[in-house]
Amino acid sequence: MEVQAFGERIVLFILNVVIFGRSERSLDDDAMFFLPHSAKERAKILWRNGAAVGFYTTKRKGSLCGDGTGACYLLPVLDTVFVRRKHRRQGLGTAMLRDFCETFSEDEALGVSCPISPAMYQVCTGNPKEDPSCGRQTSQEDGAGRSATGQGHEERTCGLDDTKKVQDGDETEGEAELEEEEVARILAGA
């Protein structure tokens, strides 16, 4: 189910900038820094027991690789994956990769952006027989549409899509209260 709520955008921002960017990222690891995600990007948040524990973002086939360039992505690309430190090594990265593959099941090939962390590389190069949903060709994307082809508990993933933009004042009072409660719950789990 694609979720398009403004509150979900706030949750993504908190996971990305506050939790990853300030408290869980190694300051020595400049290669693994995520910029805040544009409202035009598609993202999904992974929930476990009512708490946001990770997210991933994708680039759509045909979308521009960046401002000021005419280059487009040649295939759907898994761009960013993050799982909170205390929830790692529980198969959640694999679950998000599987969800990505299932989301784009009609495509023959999928991409994964570079650089890839060693842990994610291990997930992507795992045995396709173990996970038939991702047993097709994958490719690493460098962000300019060029690729180097390679092989490739209760949780809920809900998405953020670029098809609806929430304007200030478009939400009801009840929705605003619910979003505030979601943000407070996520921060409490931080």
N, C-alpha and C. Protein backbone atom coordinates (compact mmCIF):
# COMPACT_ATOMS: atom_id res chain seq x y z
N MET A 1 0.84 -1.17 0.00
CA MET A 1 0.00 0.00 0.00
C MET A 1 0.89 1.24 0.00
N GLU A 2 0.67 2.10 -0.93
CA GLU A 2 1.42 3.35 -1.01
C GLU A 2 0.84 4.35 -0.02
N VAL A 3 1.68 4.87 0.84
CA VAL A 3 1.26 5.86 1.82
C VAL A 3 1.77 7.21 1.35
N GLN A 4 0.91 8.20 1.39
CA GLN A 4 1.27 9.50 0.86
C GLN A 4 1.11 10.62 1.88
N ALA A 5 1.11 10.30 3.14
CA ALA A 5 0.84 11.28 4.19
C ALA A 5 2.07 12.15 4.48
N PHE A 6 1.80 13.38 4.83
CA PHE A 6 2.85 14.31 5.22
C PHE A 6 3.59 13.78 6.45
N GLY A 7 2.86 13.15 7.36
CA GLY A 7 3.48 12.59 8.57
C GLY A 7 4.51 11.52 8.24
N GLU A 8 4.27 10.73 7.20
CA GLU A 8 5.24 9.72 6.78
C GLU A 8 6.51 10.39 6.26
N ARG A 9 6.38 11.52 5.59
CA ARG A 9 7.56 12.27 5.13
C ARG A 9 8.39 12.72 6.33
N ILE A 10 7.70 13.14 7.40
CA ILE A 10 8.40 13.56 8.62
C ILE A 10 9.13 12.37 9.23
N VAL A 11 8.48 11.21 9.27
CA VAL A 11 9.11 10.00 9.80
C VAL A 11 10.37 9.68 8.99
N LEU A 12 10.28 9.74 7.66
CA LEU A 12 11.44 9.48 6.81
C LEU A 12 12.56 10.47 7.10
N PHE A 13 12.21 11.73 7.25
CA PHE A 13 13.22 12.76 7.55
C PHE A 13 13.90 12.46 8.89
N ILE A 14 13.12 12.09 9.90
CA ILE A 14 13.69 11.79 11.22
C ILE A 14 14.62 10.58 11.14
N LEU A 15 14.17 9.52 10.46
CA LEU A 15 15.03 8.34 10.32
C LEU A 15 16.31 8.68 9.58
N ASN A 16 16.20 9.44 8.52
CA ASN A 16 17.33 9.74 7.66
C ASN A 16 18.29 10.75 8.28
N VAL A 17 17.78 11.90 8.66
CA VAL A 17 18.65 12.99 9.09
C VAL A 17 19.00 12.91 10.57
N VAL A 18 18.01 12.64 11.42
CA VAL A 18 18.25 12.65 12.86
C VAL A 18 18.87 11.34 13.33
N ILE A 19 18.18 10.23 13.09
CA ILE A 19 18.66 8.96 13.63
C ILE A 19 19.90 8.47 12.89
N PHE A 20 19.84 8.37 11.55
CA PHE A 20 21.02 7.92 10.82
C PHE A 20 22.09 9.00 10.80
N GLY A 21 21.73 10.19 10.39
CA GLY A 21 22.71 11.24 10.17
C GLY A 21 23.43 11.72 11.41
N ARG A 22 22.75 11.70 12.55
CA ARG A 22 23.36 12.26 13.76
C ARG A 22 23.74 11.21 14.81
N SER A 23 22.95 10.15 14.95
CA SER A 23 23.22 9.25 16.07
C SER A 23 23.74 7.87 15.69
N GLU A 24 23.50 7.40 14.47
CA GLU A 24 23.91 6.03 14.14
C GLU A 24 24.96 5.94 13.05
N ARG A 25 25.31 7.01 12.41
CA ARG A 25 26.30 6.97 11.34
C ARG A 25 27.68 7.18 11.91
N SER A 26 28.62 6.37 11.44
CA SER A 26 30.01 6.57 11.80
C SER A 26 30.50 7.84 11.11
N LEU A 27 31.06 8.75 11.87
CA LEU A 27 31.52 10.02 11.29
C LEU A 27 32.67 9.83 10.32
N ASP A 28 33.36 8.67 10.40
CA ASP A 28 34.46 8.39 9.49
C ASP A 28 33.99 7.88 8.14
N ASP A 29 32.72 7.54 8.02
CA ASP A 29 32.19 6.92 6.82
C ASP A 29 31.49 7.95 5.94
N ASP A 30 32.27 8.76 5.23
CA ASP A 30 31.71 9.80 4.37
C ASP A 30 30.97 9.23 3.17
N ALA A 31 31.32 8.01 2.73
CA ALA A 31 30.70 7.43 1.54
C ALA A 31 29.25 7.04 1.80
N MET A 32 28.87 6.80 3.04
CA MET A 32 27.52 6.37 3.36
C MET A 32 26.72 7.49 4.01
N PHE A 33 26.64 8.61 3.34
CA PHE A 33 25.86 9.74 3.84
C PHE A 33 24.67 9.93 2.93
N PHE A 34 23.47 10.00 3.51
CA PHE A 34 22.25 10.18 2.72
C PHE A 34 21.80 11.62 2.82
N LEU A 35 21.51 12.22 1.70
CA LEU A 35 20.91 13.54 1.70
C LEU A 35 19.42 13.40 2.00
N PRO A 36 18.80 14.44 2.54
CA PRO A 36 17.34 14.36 2.73
C PRO A 36 16.66 14.07 1.40
N HIS A 37 15.64 13.25 1.44
CA HIS A 37 14.98 12.80 0.22
C HIS A 37 13.94 13.80 -0.25
N SER A 38 13.92 14.00 -1.54
CA SER A 38 12.97 14.90 -2.17
C SER A 38 11.57 14.31 -2.09
N ALA A 39 10.58 15.18 -2.08
CA ALA A 39 9.18 14.73 -2.10
C ALA A 39 8.87 14.03 -3.41
N LYS A 40 9.72 14.19 -4.42
CA LYS A 40 9.51 13.52 -5.71
C LYS A 40 9.97 12.07 -5.69
N GLU A 41 10.76 11.69 -4.69
CA GLU A 41 11.27 10.32 -4.62
C GLU A 41 10.27 9.39 -3.98
N ARG A 42 10.33 8.15 -4.38
CA ARG A 42 9.48 7.11 -3.81
C ARG A 42 10.27 6.46 -2.67
N ALA A 43 9.61 6.27 -1.53
CA ALA A 43 10.27 5.66 -0.38
C ALA A 43 9.28 4.78 0.37
N LYS A 44 9.82 3.81 1.08
CA LYS A 44 9.00 2.96 1.93
C LYS A 44 9.65 2.88 3.30
N ILE A 45 8.83 2.90 4.32
CA ILE A 45 9.30 2.81 5.70
C ILE A 45 8.95 1.43 6.23
N LEU A 46 9.90 0.82 6.92
CA LEU A 46 9.68 -0.50 7.52
C LEU A 46 9.29 -0.30 8.97
N TRP A 47 8.14 -0.86 9.34
CA TRP A 47 7.62 -0.74 10.70
C TRP A 47 7.70 -2.10 11.37
N ARG A 48 8.06 -2.12 12.62
CA ARG A 48 8.05 -3.35 13.42
C ARG A 48 7.51 -2.99 14.80
N ASN A 49 6.44 -3.68 15.19
CA ASN A 49 5.81 -3.45 16.50
C ASN A 49 5.49 -1.97 16.73
N GLY A 50 5.01 -1.31 15.70
CA GLY A 50 4.58 0.08 15.83
C GLY A 50 5.68 1.12 15.77
N ALA A 51 6.92 0.70 15.54
CA ALA A 51 8.04 1.65 15.47
C ALA A 51 8.68 1.59 14.09
N ALA A 52 9.09 2.73 13.59
CA ALA A 52 9.80 2.79 12.31
C ALA A 52 11.23 2.33 12.55
N VAL A 53 11.65 1.25 11.88
CA VAL A 53 12.98 0.69 12.11
C VAL A 53 13.89 0.80 10.90
N GLY A 54 13.37 1.27 9.77
CA GLY A 54 14.21 1.40 8.59
C GLY A 54 13.42 1.98 7.43
N PHE A 55 14.12 2.21 6.34
CA PHE A 55 13.47 2.72 5.14
C PHE A 55 14.31 2.36 3.93
N TYR A 56 13.67 2.44 2.77
CA TYR A 56 14.43 2.41 1.52
C TYR A 56 13.79 3.35 0.52
N THR A 57 14.61 3.84 -0.40
CA THR A 57 14.13 4.74 -1.45
C THR A 57 14.46 4.14 -2.81
N THR A 58 13.67 4.50 -3.79
CA THR A 58 13.90 4.01 -5.15
C THR A 58 13.88 5.16 -6.14
N LYS A 59 14.54 4.93 -7.25
CA LYS A 59 14.49 5.82 -8.40
C LYS A 59 13.71 5.08 -9.48
N ARG A 60 12.75 5.74 -10.06
CA ARG A 60 11.92 5.11 -11.09
C ARG A 60 12.62 5.10 -12.44
N LYS A 61 12.35 4.06 -13.19
CA LYS A 61 12.84 3.96 -14.56
C LYS A 61 12.35 5.19 -15.33
N GLY A 62 13.27 5.86 -16.01
CA GLY A 62 12.91 7.03 -16.79
C GLY A 62 13.02 8.34 -16.05
N SER A 63 13.19 8.30 -14.72
CA SER A 63 13.33 9.56 -13.97
C SER A 63 14.74 10.12 -14.19
N LEU A 64 14.85 11.43 -14.10
CA LEU A 64 16.14 12.09 -14.32
C LEU A 64 17.12 11.72 -13.22
N CYS A 65 18.38 11.56 -13.62
CA CYS A 65 19.43 11.19 -12.67
C CYS A 65 19.81 12.35 -11.76
N GLY A 66 19.56 13.55 -12.17
CA GLY A 66 19.88 14.71 -11.34
C GLY A 66 19.48 15.98 -12.04
N ASP A 67 19.50 17.06 -11.28
CA ASP A 67 19.19 18.36 -11.86
C ASP A 67 20.32 18.75 -12.82
N GLY A 68 19.97 19.33 -13.93
CA GLY A 68 20.97 19.81 -14.87
C GLY A 68 21.53 18.74 -15.79
N THR A 69 20.96 17.55 -15.78
CA THR A 69 21.42 16.50 -16.68
C THR A 69 20.23 15.93 -17.43
N GLY A 70 20.46 15.49 -18.63
CA GLY A 70 19.40 14.87 -19.41
C GLY A 70 19.38 13.36 -19.27
N ALA A 71 20.33 12.82 -18.50
CA ALA A 71 20.42 11.37 -18.33
C ALA A 71 19.29 10.86 -17.44
N CYS A 72 18.74 9.70 -17.83
CA CYS A 72 17.65 9.09 -17.08
C CYS A 72 18.05 7.71 -16.60
N TYR A 73 17.41 7.26 -15.54
CA TYR A 73 17.63 5.89 -15.07
C TYR A 73 17.05 4.93 -16.09
N LEU A 74 17.81 3.91 -16.43
CA LEU A 74 17.41 2.94 -17.44
C LEU A 74 16.57 1.81 -16.87
N LEU A 75 16.53 1.70 -15.57
CA LEU A 75 15.76 0.66 -14.89
C LEU A 75 15.44 1.13 -13.48
N PRO A 76 14.48 0.50 -12.81
CA PRO A 76 14.20 0.88 -11.42
C PRO A 76 15.44 0.63 -10.55
N VAL A 77 15.76 1.57 -9.68
CA VAL A 77 16.99 1.48 -8.89
C VAL A 77 16.67 1.58 -7.40
N LEU A 78 17.19 0.63 -6.63
CA LEU A 78 17.15 0.70 -5.18
C LEU A 78 18.24 1.68 -4.79
N ASP A 79 17.85 2.83 -4.28
CA ASP A 79 18.81 3.92 -4.08
C ASP A 79 19.40 3.94 -2.67
N THR A 80 18.57 3.91 -1.66
CA THR A 80 19.02 4.03 -0.28
C THR A 80 18.34 2.98 0.57
N VAL A 81 19.09 2.33 1.46
CA VAL A 81 18.52 1.38 2.42
C VAL A 81 19.12 1.69 3.78
N PHE A 82 18.28 1.78 4.79
CA PHE A 82 18.76 2.00 6.15
C PHE A 82 17.93 1.18 7.12
N VAL A 83 18.61 0.46 8.02
CA VAL A 83 17.97 -0.26 9.12
C VAL A 83 18.64 0.23 10.40
N ARG A 84 17.83 0.60 11.38
CA ARG A 84 18.38 1.08 12.65
C ARG A 84 19.29 0.04 13.26
N ARG A 85 20.34 0.50 13.89
CA ARG A 85 21.40 -0.36 14.42
C ARG A 85 20.87 -1.50 15.29
N LYS A 86 19.95 -1.22 16.19
CA LYS A 86 19.48 -2.27 17.11
C LYS A 86 18.55 -3.28 16.44
N HIS A 87 18.19 -3.05 15.17
CA HIS A 87 17.31 -3.98 14.45
C HIS A 87 18.04 -4.69 13.31
N ARG A 88 19.35 -4.52 13.23
CA ARG A 88 20.12 -5.16 12.17
C ARG A 88 20.34 -6.64 12.46
N ARG A 89 20.73 -7.36 11.42
CA ARG A 89 21.02 -8.80 11.49
C ARG A 89 19.79 -9.61 11.87
N GLN A 90 18.62 -9.10 11.46
CA GLN A 90 17.35 -9.80 11.71
C GLN A 90 16.61 -10.05 10.40
N GLY A 91 17.28 -9.86 9.28
CA GLY A 91 16.66 -10.11 7.98
C GLY A 91 15.84 -8.95 7.43
N LEU A 92 15.91 -7.78 8.05
CA LEU A 92 15.10 -6.66 7.60
C LEU A 92 15.61 -6.05 6.29
N GLY A 93 16.93 -6.03 6.10
CA GLY A 93 17.48 -5.56 4.83
C GLY A 93 17.04 -6.47 3.69
N THR A 94 17.06 -7.77 3.95
CA THR A 94 16.59 -8.73 2.95
C THR A 94 15.11 -8.53 2.69
N ALA A 95 14.34 -8.26 3.74
CA ALA A 95 12.89 -8.04 3.58
C ALA A 95 12.64 -6.81 2.70
N MET A 96 13.43 -5.75 2.89
CA MET A 96 13.24 -4.55 2.06
C MET A 96 13.68 -4.82 0.62
N LEU A 97 14.76 -5.57 0.43
CA LEU A 97 15.19 -5.93 -0.91
C LEU A 97 14.11 -6.77 -1.60
N ARG A 98 13.54 -7.71 -0.88
CA ARG A 98 12.46 -8.55 -1.42
C ARG A 98 11.26 -7.68 -1.80
N ASP A 99 10.89 -6.73 -0.93
CA ASP A 99 9.77 -5.84 -1.22
C ASP A 99 10.04 -5.01 -2.48
N PHE A 100 11.27 -4.53 -2.62
CA PHE A 100 11.66 -3.78 -3.82
C PHE A 100 11.48 -4.65 -5.07
N CYS A 101 11.96 -5.89 -5.00
CA CYS A 101 11.83 -6.81 -6.14
C CYS A 101 10.37 -7.09 -6.47
N GLU A 102 9.55 -7.27 -5.45
CA GLU A 102 8.13 -7.55 -5.67
C GLU A 102 7.41 -6.32 -6.21
N THR A 103 7.82 -5.14 -5.78
CA THR A 103 7.21 -3.90 -6.26
C THR A 103 7.42 -3.72 -7.76
N PHE A 104 8.59 -4.13 -8.25
CA PHE A 104 8.92 -3.99 -9.66
C PHE A 104 9.01 -5.35 -10.34
N SER A 105 8.08 -6.24 -10.01
CA SER A 105 8.12 -7.61 -10.52
C SER A 105 7.96 -7.70 -12.04
N GLU A 106 7.36 -6.69 -12.66
CA GLU A 106 7.17 -6.73 -14.11
C GLU A 106 8.44 -6.36 -14.87
N ASP A 107 9.43 -5.80 -14.21
CA ASP A 107 10.68 -5.42 -14.87
C ASP A 107 11.64 -6.60 -14.91
N GLU A 108 12.36 -6.73 -16.04
CA GLU A 108 13.31 -7.83 -16.20
C GLU A 108 14.57 -7.63 -15.39
N ALA A 109 14.99 -6.40 -15.22
CA ALA A 109 16.22 -6.10 -14.51
C ALA A 109 15.97 -4.95 -13.54
N LEU A 110 16.67 -5.00 -12.42
CA LEU A 110 16.58 -3.96 -11.39
C LEU A 110 17.98 -3.48 -11.08
N GLY A 111 18.09 -2.25 -10.59
CA GLY A 111 19.39 -1.70 -10.26
C GLY A 111 19.53 -1.42 -8.78
N VAL A 112 20.78 -1.36 -8.35
CA VAL A 112 21.13 -0.99 -6.98
C VAL A 112 22.19 0.10 -7.10
N SER A 113 21.96 1.26 -6.47
CA SER A 113 22.89 2.37 -6.62
C SER A 113 24.19 2.11 -5.88
N CYS A 114 25.24 2.78 -6.32
CA CYS A 114 26.55 2.69 -5.69
C CYS A 114 26.79 3.94 -4.87
N PRO A 115 27.57 3.92 -3.82
CA PRO A 115 28.29 2.75 -3.30
C PRO A 115 27.35 1.83 -2.52
N ILE A 116 27.72 0.57 -2.46
CA ILE A 116 26.96 -0.43 -1.70
C ILE A 116 27.77 -0.79 -0.47
N SER A 117 27.13 -0.76 0.68
CA SER A 117 27.83 -1.14 1.91
C SER A 117 28.16 -2.63 1.83
N PRO A 118 29.19 -3.09 2.54
CA PRO A 118 29.53 -4.52 2.52
C PRO A 118 28.36 -5.41 2.94
N ALA A 119 27.57 -4.97 3.91
CA ALA A 119 26.43 -5.78 4.35
C ALA A 119 25.37 -5.90 3.26
N MET A 120 25.09 -4.80 2.56
CA MET A 120 24.09 -4.84 1.50
C MET A 120 24.60 -5.62 0.31
N TYR A 121 25.89 -5.53 0.03
CA TYR A 121 26.47 -6.31 -1.07
C TYR A 121 26.27 -7.80 -0.82
N GLN A 122 26.46 -8.20 0.42
CA GLN A 122 26.26 -9.61 0.78
C GLN A 122 24.80 -10.02 0.55
N VAL A 123 23.86 -9.16 0.90
CA VAL A 123 22.44 -9.45 0.68
C VAL A 123 22.15 -9.56 -0.82
N CYS A 124 22.69 -8.62 -1.61
CA CYS A 124 22.40 -8.59 -3.05
C CYS A 124 23.02 -9.75 -3.81
N THR A 125 24.13 -10.28 -3.34
CA THR A 125 24.80 -11.36 -4.06
C THR A 125 24.49 -12.72 -3.46
N GLY A 126 23.52 -12.78 -2.56
CA GLY A 126 23.13 -14.05 -1.95
C GLY A 126 22.61 -15.03 -2.99
N ASN A 127 22.34 -16.24 -2.57
CA ASN A 127 21.88 -17.30 -3.45
C ASN A 127 20.45 -17.02 -3.91
N PRO A 128 20.20 -16.81 -5.21
CA PRO A 128 18.85 -16.54 -5.69
C PRO A 128 17.87 -17.68 -5.40
N LYS A 129 18.37 -18.91 -5.24
CA LYS A 129 17.48 -20.03 -4.93
C LYS A 129 16.84 -19.85 -3.56
N GLU A 130 17.54 -19.17 -2.66
CA GLU A 130 16.99 -18.93 -1.32
C GLU A 130 15.88 -17.90 -1.36
N ASP A 131 15.91 -16.99 -2.30
CA ASP A 131 14.90 -15.94 -2.39
C ASP A 131 14.45 -15.80 -3.84
N PRO A 132 13.44 -16.59 -4.25
CA PRO A 132 13.03 -16.57 -5.64
C PRO A 132 12.47 -15.23 -6.10
N SER A 133 12.00 -14.38 -5.19
CA SER A 133 11.43 -13.09 -5.61
C SER A 133 12.49 -12.17 -6.18
N CYS A 134 13.76 -12.38 -5.80
CA CYS A 134 14.83 -11.53 -6.31
C CYS A 134 15.82 -12.33 -7.14
N GLY A 135 15.40 -13.44 -7.69
CA GLY A 135 16.30 -14.32 -8.41
C GLY A 135 16.53 -13.91 -9.85
N ARG A 136 16.27 -12.68 -10.21
CA ARG A 136 16.52 -12.25 -11.58
C ARG A 136 17.70 -11.29 -11.60
N GLN A 137 18.01 -10.83 -12.77
CA GLN A 137 19.18 -9.99 -12.97
C GLN A 137 19.08 -8.68 -12.21
N THR A 138 20.17 -8.31 -11.53
CA THR A 138 20.25 -7.00 -10.90
C THR A 138 21.46 -6.28 -11.46
N SER A 139 21.51 -4.99 -11.27
CA SER A 139 22.58 -4.18 -11.82
C SER A 139 22.93 -3.09 -10.83
N GLN A 140 24.22 -2.73 -10.77
CA GLN A 140 24.63 -1.61 -9.93
C GLN A 140 24.59 -0.35 -10.77
N GLU A 141 23.96 0.70 -10.25
CA GLU A 141 23.84 1.97 -10.96
C GLU A 141 24.75 3.00 -10.31
N ASP A 142 25.41 3.78 -11.15
CA ASP A 142 26.28 4.82 -10.61
C ASP A 142 25.59 6.17 -10.54
N GLY A 143 24.29 6.22 -10.84
CA GLY A 143 23.55 7.47 -10.74
C GLY A 143 23.44 8.21 -12.05
N ALA A 144 24.17 7.79 -13.06
CA ALA A 144 24.08 8.46 -14.35
C ALA A 144 23.46 7.56 -15.40
N GLY A 145 22.78 6.51 -14.95
CA GLY A 145 22.14 5.61 -15.89
C GLY A 145 23.07 4.54 -16.43
N ARG A 146 24.34 4.59 -16.05
CA ARG A 146 25.28 3.58 -16.49
C ARG A 146 25.26 2.45 -15.47
N SER A 147 25.39 1.22 -15.94
CA SER A 147 25.33 0.10 -15.01
C SER A 147 26.40 -0.92 -15.33
N ALA A 148 26.77 -1.66 -14.29
CA ALA A 148 27.66 -2.81 -14.42
C ALA A 148 26.86 -4.01 -13.93
N THR A 149 26.44 -4.87 -14.83
CA THR A 149 25.52 -5.94 -14.48
C THR A 149 26.20 -6.98 -13.60
N GLY A 150 25.45 -7.46 -12.57
CA GLY A 150 25.91 -8.51 -11.68
C GLY A 150 24.77 -9.47 -11.43
N GLN A 151 24.91 -10.45 -10.55
CA GLN A 151 23.85 -11.40 -10.16
C GLN A 151 23.15 -10.91 -8.89
N GLY A 152 22.50 -11.24 -9.48
CA GLY A 152 21.85 -10.73 -8.36
C GLY A 152 20.78 -11.53 -7.44
N HIS A 153 9.30 -12.07 11.94
CA HIS A 153 8.67 -11.27 12.92
C HIS A 153 7.56 -10.42 12.30
N GLU A 154 6.75 -9.76 12.71
CA GLU A 154 5.72 -8.93 12.09
C GLU A 154 6.38 -7.64 11.67
N GLU A 155 6.32 -7.36 10.42
CA GLU A 155 6.76 -6.06 9.98
C GLU A 155 5.84 -5.59 8.88
N ARG A 156 5.82 -4.31 8.67
CA ARG A 156 4.94 -3.72 7.67
C ARG A 156 5.75 -2.67 6.95
N THR A 157 5.68 -2.70 5.65
CA THR A 157 6.35 -1.68 4.85
C THR A 157 5.28 -0.81 4.24
N CYS A 158 5.39 0.48 4.47
CA CYS A 158 4.44 1.39 3.84
C CYS A 158 5.23 2.40 3.05
N GLY A 159 4.68 2.85 1.97
CA GLY A 159 5.45 3.65 1.04
C GLY A 159 5.10 5.11 1.02
N LEU A 160 6.02 5.85 0.48
CA LEU A 160 5.82 7.26 0.19
C LEU A 160 5.92 7.38 -1.31
N ASP A 161 4.99 8.03 -1.90
CA ASP A 161 4.97 8.13 -3.35
C ASP A 161 4.93 9.60 -3.73
N ASP A 162 5.33 9.88 -4.94
CA ASP A 162 5.33 11.26 -5.40
C ASP A 162 4.05 11.64 -6.12
N THR A 163 3.03 10.79 -6.09
CA THR A 163 1.82 11.07 -6.84
C THR A 163 0.90 12.05 -6.15
N LYS A 164 1.06 12.28 -4.85
CA LYS A 164 0.19 13.22 -4.14
C LYS A 164 1.06 14.11 -3.27
N LYS A 165 0.85 15.38 -3.36
CA LYS A 165 1.58 16.32 -2.52
C LYS A 165 0.60 16.93 -1.55
N VAL A 166 0.89 16.83 -0.27
CA VAL A 166 0.01 17.38 0.75
C VAL A 166 0.41 18.83 0.96
N GLN A 167 -0.53 19.72 0.80
CA GLN A 167 -0.29 21.14 1.02
C GLN A 167 -0.59 21.47 2.47
N ASP A 168 -0.02 22.55 2.98
CA ASP A 168 -0.32 22.99 4.34
C ASP A 168 -1.82 23.19 4.46
N GLY A 169 -2.38 22.63 5.52
CA GLY A 169 -3.80 22.80 5.78
C GLY A 169 -4.68 21.76 5.12
N ASP A 170 -4.11 20.82 4.33
CA ASP A 170 -4.91 19.80 3.66
C ASP A 170 -5.32 18.67 4.59
N GLU A 171 -4.71 18.57 5.75
CA GLU A 171 -5.02 17.46 6.63
C GLU A 171 -6.08 17.87 7.63
N THR A 172 -6.82 16.90 8.11
CA THR A 172 -7.82 17.18 9.12
C THR A 172 -7.14 17.25 10.48
N GLU A 173 -7.85 17.76 11.47
CA GLU A 173 -7.28 17.87 12.81
C GLU A 173 -6.91 16.49 13.35
N GLY A 174 -7.75 15.49 13.10
CA GLY A 174 -7.48 14.13 13.56
C GLY A 174 -6.23 13.55 12.91
N GLU A 175 -6.03 13.82 11.60
CA GLU A 175 -4.83 13.34 10.92
C GLU A 175 -3.59 14.00 11.50
N ALA A 176 -3.66 15.28 11.80
CA ALA A 176 -2.51 15.99 12.36
C ALA A 176 -2.15 15.41 13.72
N GLU A 177 -3.17 15.12 14.56
CA GLU A 177 -2.89 14.53 15.87
C GLU A 177 -2.27 13.15 15.72
N LEU A 178 -2.77 12.34 14.77
CA LEU A 178 -2.23 11.02 14.54
C LEU A 178 -0.77 11.11 14.11
N GLU A 179 -0.46 12.04 13.20
CA GLU A 179 0.90 12.20 12.74
C GLU A 179 1.82 12.63 13.88
N GLU A 180 1.36 13.52 14.75
CA GLU A 180 2.16 13.93 15.89
C GLU A 180 2.44 12.75 16.80
N GLU A 181 1.43 11.89 17.00
CA GLU A 181 1.62 10.70 17.84
C GLU A 181 2.63 9.75 17.21
N GLU A 182 2.60 9.57 15.87
CA GLU A 182 3.56 8.71 15.18
C GLU A 182 4.98 9.24 15.36
N VAL A 183 5.16 10.53 15.18
CA VAL A 183 6.49 11.13 15.33
C VAL A 183 6.97 10.97 16.77
N ALA A 184 6.10 11.21 17.75
CA ALA A 184 6.48 11.07 19.15
C ALA A 184 6.87 9.63 19.46
N ARG A 185 6.14 8.66 18.90
CA ARG A 185 6.45 7.24 19.14
C ARG A 185 7.81 6.89 18.54
N ILE A 186 8.10 7.40 17.35
CA ILE A 186 9.38 7.12 16.72
C ILE A 186 10.52 7.72 17.51
N LEU A 187 10.34 8.96 17.94
CA LEU A 187 11.39 9.61 18.72
C LEU A 187 11.60 8.90 20.05
N ALA A 188 10.54 8.38 20.65
CA ALA A 188 10.67 7.65 21.91
C ALA A 188 11.48 6.38 21.73
N GLY A 189 11.40 5.77 20.54
CA GLY A 189 12.16 4.56 20.26
C GLY A 189 13.59 4.84 19.85
N ALA A 190 13.94 6.12 19.66
CA ALA A 190 15.27 6.48 19.18
C ALA A 190 16.33 6.26 20.17
